[in-house]
Amino acid sequence: MKPQAAAPQAPAAATIDAAPALLQEVRKTVAARLGVGRHGLEPMLDELGQTLARLMPGPGDARLSPEEQEKARASFAGTVDTLEDVLEALHRAGRAGNVLGWGER
């Protein structure tokens, strides 16, 4: 058997450019699934949004130094990992019948 080549990776810039739209989709999905229960996730979602704003400054805004960018990316990745863990736990609880709106297939 021939070894398969790894799938091409999207450039980091393309990935980060898509992040605000993806974050909005996550917010919409969480709001639709959890309703008022989403408020416990809002601080994490807000933190992600603030970190994105720092990583993607608008015209005329100060850019982070390379060291600050590295720290911000690490913070972003850690928050995403934590959010993923929380959402997975909610999904499992929903499948067990403990949380409405989560766990459907």
N, C-alpha and C. Protein backbone atom coordinates (compact mmCIF):
# COMPACT_ATOMS: atom_id res chain seq x y z
N MET A 1 0.82 -1.19 0.00
CA MET A 1 0.00 0.00 0.00
C MET A 1 0.86 1.25 0.00
N LYS A 2 0.47 2.24 -0.76
CA LYS A 2 1.20 3.49 -0.80
C LYS A 2 0.83 4.34 0.41
N PRO A 3 1.79 5.01 1.03
CA PRO A 3 1.43 5.94 2.10
C PRO A 3 0.71 7.13 1.49
N GLN A 4 -0.32 7.55 2.16
CA GLN A 4 -1.08 8.69 1.66
C GLN A 4 -0.45 9.98 2.15
N ALA A 5 -0.44 10.95 1.27
CA ALA A 5 0.09 12.26 1.65
C ALA A 5 -0.88 12.92 2.62
N ALA A 6 -0.31 13.69 3.51
CA ALA A 6 -1.13 14.43 4.46
C ALA A 6 -1.98 15.44 3.71
N ALA A 7 -3.17 15.68 4.23
CA ALA A 7 -4.04 16.68 3.63
C ALA A 7 -3.38 18.04 3.72
N PRO A 8 -3.52 18.87 2.69
CA PRO A 8 -2.90 20.19 2.75
C PRO A 8 -3.50 21.00 3.89
N GLN A 9 -2.64 21.69 4.59
CA GLN A 9 -3.06 22.54 5.70
C GLN A 9 -3.40 23.92 5.17
N ALA A 10 -4.46 24.53 5.73
CA ALA A 10 -4.79 25.90 5.38
C ALA A 10 -3.74 26.82 5.99
N PRO A 11 -3.35 27.85 5.28
CA PRO A 11 -2.39 28.79 5.86
C PRO A 11 -2.98 29.40 7.13
N ALA A 12 -2.11 29.71 8.07
CA ALA A 12 -2.55 30.27 9.35
C ALA A 12 -3.36 31.54 9.14
N ALA A 13 -2.95 32.37 8.20
CA ALA A 13 -3.67 33.63 7.96
C ALA A 13 -5.10 33.35 7.50
N ALA A 14 -5.30 32.37 6.64
CA ALA A 14 -6.64 32.06 6.17
C ALA A 14 -7.50 31.54 7.31
N THR A 15 -6.90 30.74 8.19
CA THR A 15 -7.63 30.19 9.32
C THR A 15 -8.05 31.29 10.27
N ILE A 16 -7.13 32.19 10.60
CA ILE A 16 -7.45 33.25 11.55
C ILE A 16 -8.45 34.22 10.94
N ASP A 17 -8.40 34.42 9.61
CA ASP A 17 -9.37 35.31 8.97
C ASP A 17 -10.79 34.77 9.08
N ALA A 18 -10.93 33.45 9.10
CA ALA A 18 -12.25 32.84 9.20
C ALA A 18 -12.75 32.77 10.64
N ALA A 19 -11.88 33.00 11.61
CA ALA A 19 -12.23 32.82 13.02
C ALA A 19 -13.40 33.67 13.49
N PRO A 20 -13.50 34.96 13.16
CA PRO A 20 -14.65 35.73 13.65
C PRO A 20 -15.99 35.15 13.18
N ALA A 21 -16.07 34.73 11.94
CA ALA A 21 -17.31 34.14 11.43
C ALA A 21 -17.61 32.82 12.14
N LEU A 22 -16.57 32.03 12.37
CA LEU A 22 -16.77 30.77 13.09
C LEU A 22 -17.22 31.01 14.52
N LEU A 23 -16.64 32.01 15.17
CA LEU A 23 -17.05 32.34 16.53
C LEU A 23 -18.52 32.76 16.57
N GLN A 24 -18.96 33.52 15.58
CA GLN A 24 -20.38 33.91 15.51
C GLN A 24 -21.26 32.68 15.35
N GLU A 25 -20.85 31.71 14.54
CA GLU A 25 -21.61 30.48 14.36
C GLU A 25 -21.68 29.69 15.66
N VAL A 26 -20.57 29.65 16.40
CA VAL A 26 -20.56 28.95 17.69
C VAL A 26 -21.54 29.64 18.64
N ARG A 27 -21.51 30.97 18.68
CA ARG A 27 -22.44 31.72 19.54
C ARG A 27 -23.90 31.40 19.18
N LYS A 28 -24.21 31.38 17.89
CA LYS A 28 -25.58 31.10 17.45
C LYS A 28 -26.00 29.68 17.83
N THR A 29 -25.11 28.73 17.63
CA THR A 29 -25.42 27.34 17.94
C THR A 29 -25.63 27.16 19.44
N VAL A 30 -24.75 27.73 20.23
CA VAL A 30 -24.87 27.63 21.69
C VAL A 30 -26.17 28.28 22.14
N ALA A 31 -26.50 29.45 21.60
CA ALA A 31 -27.74 30.13 21.97
C ALA A 31 -28.96 29.30 21.60
N ALA A 32 -28.93 28.70 20.40
CA ALA A 32 -30.06 27.89 19.95
C ALA A 32 -30.23 26.64 20.79
N ARG A 33 -29.13 26.01 21.16
CA ARG A 33 -29.19 24.75 21.89
C ARG A 33 -29.44 24.93 23.38
N LEU A 34 -28.83 25.97 23.97
CA LEU A 34 -28.90 26.11 25.42
C LEU A 34 -29.86 27.19 25.90
N GLY A 35 -30.23 28.10 25.03
CA GLY A 35 -31.11 29.18 25.48
C GLY A 35 -30.46 29.96 26.61
N VAL A 36 -31.18 30.10 27.72
CA VAL A 36 -30.63 30.88 28.84
C VAL A 36 -29.44 30.18 29.48
N GLY A 37 -29.29 28.89 29.28
CA GLY A 37 -28.15 28.16 29.83
C GLY A 37 -26.83 28.56 29.22
N ARG A 38 -26.87 29.31 28.11
CA ARG A 38 -25.65 29.73 27.44
C ARG A 38 -24.89 30.77 28.23
N HIS A 39 -25.55 31.42 29.17
CA HIS A 39 -24.91 32.52 29.90
C HIS A 39 -23.66 32.05 30.64
N GLY A 40 -23.60 30.80 31.02
CA GLY A 40 -22.40 30.28 31.66
C GLY A 40 -21.23 30.18 30.71
N LEU A 41 -21.50 30.13 29.41
CA LEU A 41 -20.44 30.04 28.41
C LEU A 41 -20.04 31.41 27.86
N GLU A 42 -20.85 32.41 28.11
CA GLU A 42 -20.58 33.74 27.56
C GLU A 42 -19.20 34.28 27.92
N PRO A 43 -18.72 34.11 29.17
CA PRO A 43 -17.38 34.64 29.45
C PRO A 43 -16.29 34.02 28.56
N MET A 44 -16.39 32.73 28.29
CA MET A 44 -15.39 32.10 27.41
C MET A 44 -15.53 32.61 25.99
N LEU A 45 -16.75 32.75 25.51
CA LEU A 45 -16.96 33.25 24.16
C LEU A 45 -16.50 34.70 24.04
N ASP A 46 -16.75 35.49 25.08
CA ASP A 46 -16.29 36.88 25.08
C ASP A 46 -14.76 36.95 25.07
N GLU A 47 -14.13 36.08 25.86
CA GLU A 47 -12.67 36.04 25.89
C GLU A 47 -12.11 35.69 24.52
N LEU A 48 -12.74 34.74 23.84
CA LEU A 48 -12.30 34.39 22.49
C LEU A 48 -12.42 35.59 21.56
N GLY A 49 -13.53 36.30 21.66
CA GLY A 49 -13.74 37.48 20.82
C GLY A 49 -12.71 38.57 21.09
N GLN A 50 -12.40 38.79 22.37
CA GLN A 50 -11.41 39.81 22.72
C GLN A 50 -10.02 39.42 22.23
N THR A 51 -9.69 38.15 22.36
CA THR A 51 -8.38 37.69 21.89
C THR A 51 -8.29 37.82 20.37
N LEU A 52 -9.37 37.49 19.68
CA LEU A 52 -9.37 37.65 18.22
C LEU A 52 -9.17 39.12 17.84
N ALA A 53 -9.82 40.01 18.57
CA ALA A 53 -9.68 41.43 18.27
C ALA A 53 -8.24 41.89 18.46
N ARG A 54 -7.55 41.33 19.46
CA ARG A 54 -6.15 41.67 19.67
C ARG A 54 -5.26 41.08 18.57
N LEU A 55 -5.61 39.87 18.13
CA LEU A 55 -4.82 39.22 17.08
C LEU A 55 -5.08 39.81 15.70
N MET A 56 -6.25 40.40 15.52
CA MET A 56 -6.65 40.93 14.22
C MET A 56 -7.03 42.41 14.36
N PRO A 57 -6.07 43.28 14.64
CA PRO A 57 -6.41 44.69 14.85
C PRO A 57 -6.93 45.33 13.56
N GLY A 58 -7.80 46.28 13.75
CA GLY A 58 -8.34 47.00 12.61
C GLY A 58 -7.35 48.03 12.10
N PRO A 59 -7.71 48.72 11.03
CA PRO A 59 -6.83 49.75 10.48
C PRO A 59 -6.54 50.82 11.54
N GLY A 60 -5.27 51.13 11.70
CA GLY A 60 -4.88 52.15 12.66
C GLY A 60 -4.70 51.64 14.08
N ASP A 61 -5.12 50.41 14.38
CA ASP A 61 -4.94 49.85 15.71
C ASP A 61 -3.53 49.29 15.84
N ALA A 62 -3.03 49.30 17.06
CA ALA A 62 -1.68 48.79 17.32
C ALA A 62 -1.66 47.27 17.14
N ARG A 63 -0.60 46.80 16.55
CA ARG A 63 -0.40 45.36 16.38
C ARG A 63 0.41 44.83 17.56
N LEU A 64 0.15 43.58 17.91
CA LEU A 64 0.89 42.94 18.99
C LEU A 64 2.30 42.60 18.52
N SER A 65 3.22 42.62 19.45
CA SER A 65 4.57 42.17 19.14
C SER A 65 4.52 40.66 18.88
N PRO A 66 5.53 40.10 18.25
CA PRO A 66 5.53 38.65 18.02
C PRO A 66 5.37 37.85 19.31
N GLU A 67 5.99 38.30 20.39
CA GLU A 67 5.87 37.59 21.67
C GLU A 67 4.44 37.67 22.20
N GLU A 68 3.84 38.86 22.08
CA GLU A 68 2.45 39.02 22.53
C GLU A 68 1.49 38.21 21.67
N GLN A 69 1.78 38.14 20.35
CA GLN A 69 0.95 37.32 19.47
C GLN A 69 1.01 35.86 19.87
N GLU A 70 2.21 35.39 20.20
CA GLU A 70 2.37 34.00 20.61
C GLU A 70 1.58 33.72 21.90
N LYS A 71 1.65 34.64 22.85
CA LYS A 71 0.90 34.48 24.10
C LYS A 71 -0.60 34.51 23.83
N ALA A 72 -1.04 35.42 22.97
CA ALA A 72 -2.47 35.53 22.66
C ALA A 72 -2.97 34.27 21.96
N ARG A 73 -2.18 33.73 21.05
CA ARG A 73 -2.57 32.49 20.36
C ARG A 73 -2.65 31.33 21.33
N ALA A 74 -1.70 31.26 22.27
CA ALA A 74 -1.72 30.19 23.28
C ALA A 74 -2.95 30.34 24.17
N SER A 75 -3.27 31.56 24.54
CA SER A 75 -4.47 31.81 25.36
C SER A 75 -5.73 31.42 24.59
N PHE A 76 -5.77 31.80 23.32
CA PHE A 76 -6.92 31.46 22.47
C PHE A 76 -7.08 29.95 22.37
N ALA A 77 -5.98 29.25 22.11
CA ALA A 77 -6.03 27.79 21.98
C ALA A 77 -6.48 27.14 23.28
N GLY A 78 -6.00 27.64 24.41
CA GLY A 78 -6.41 27.10 25.70
C GLY A 78 -7.89 27.31 25.96
N THR A 79 -8.39 28.48 25.61
CA THR A 79 -9.82 28.76 25.81
C THR A 79 -10.67 27.90 24.89
N VAL A 80 -10.23 27.72 23.65
CA VAL A 80 -10.96 26.86 22.72
C VAL A 80 -10.99 25.43 23.25
N ASP A 81 -9.87 24.95 23.77
CA ASP A 81 -9.83 23.60 24.33
C ASP A 81 -10.80 23.45 25.50
N THR A 82 -10.83 24.45 26.37
CA THR A 82 -11.74 24.41 27.52
C THR A 82 -13.19 24.45 27.05
N LEU A 83 -13.49 25.31 26.10
CA LEU A 83 -14.85 25.40 25.56
C LEU A 83 -15.25 24.08 24.93
N GLU A 84 -14.33 23.47 24.20
CA GLU A 84 -14.61 22.17 23.59
C GLU A 84 -14.94 21.12 24.65
N ASP A 85 -14.18 21.12 25.74
CA ASP A 85 -14.43 20.17 26.83
C ASP A 85 -15.80 20.39 27.46
N VAL A 86 -16.15 21.66 27.68
CA VAL A 86 -17.45 21.98 28.28
C VAL A 86 -18.59 21.56 27.35
N LEU A 87 -18.46 21.88 26.07
CA LEU A 87 -19.51 21.52 25.12
C LEU A 87 -19.63 20.00 24.97
N GLU A 88 -18.50 19.31 25.01
CA GLU A 88 -18.55 17.85 24.95
C GLU A 88 -19.25 17.28 26.19
N ALA A 89 -18.97 17.85 27.35
CA ALA A 89 -19.63 17.39 28.58
C ALA A 89 -21.14 17.65 28.51
N LEU A 90 -21.53 18.80 27.98
CA LEU A 90 -22.96 19.09 27.82
C LEU A 90 -23.60 18.12 26.84
N HIS A 91 -22.89 17.81 25.78
CA HIS A 91 -23.41 16.87 24.78
C HIS A 91 -23.62 15.50 25.41
N ARG A 92 -22.63 15.04 26.17
CA ARG A 92 -22.76 13.73 26.82
C ARG A 92 -23.89 13.73 27.84
N ALA A 93 -24.01 14.82 28.59
CA ALA A 93 -25.10 14.91 29.56
C ALA A 93 -26.45 14.91 28.85
N GLY A 94 -26.50 15.59 27.70
CA GLY A 94 -27.74 15.62 26.92
C GLY A 94 -28.12 14.25 26.41
N ARG A 95 -27.12 13.51 25.96
CA ARG A 95 -27.39 12.16 25.48
C ARG A 95 -27.87 11.27 26.61
N ALA A 96 -27.43 11.58 27.83
CA ALA A 96 -27.87 10.81 28.99
C ALA A 96 -29.23 11.30 29.48
N GLY A 97 -29.75 12.37 28.87
CA GLY A 97 -31.06 12.88 29.23
C GLY A 97 -31.04 13.89 30.35
N ASN A 98 -29.87 14.42 30.67
CA ASN A 98 -29.78 15.36 31.78
C ASN A 98 -29.87 16.82 31.37
N VAL A 99 -29.65 17.13 30.11
CA VAL A 99 -29.66 18.50 29.65
C VAL A 99 -30.48 18.58 28.38
N LEU A 100 -31.50 19.38 28.38
CA LEU A 100 -32.34 19.52 27.18
C LEU A 100 -31.60 20.24 26.09
N GLY A 101 -31.82 19.81 24.86
CA GLY A 101 -31.27 20.49 23.70
C GLY A 101 -29.93 19.99 23.23
N TRP A 102 -29.26 19.14 24.01
CA TRP A 102 -27.96 18.63 23.62
C TRP A 102 -28.02 17.12 23.50
N GLY A 103 -27.21 16.62 22.63
CA GLY A 103 -27.08 15.19 22.49
C GLY A 103 -27.88 14.58 21.37
N GLU A 104 -28.71 15.38 20.69
CA GLU A 104 -29.44 14.82 19.56
C GLU A 104 -28.48 14.53 18.44
N ARG A 105 -28.85 13.60 17.63
CA ARG A 105 -28.05 13.30 16.44
C ARG A 105 -28.84 13.68 15.22
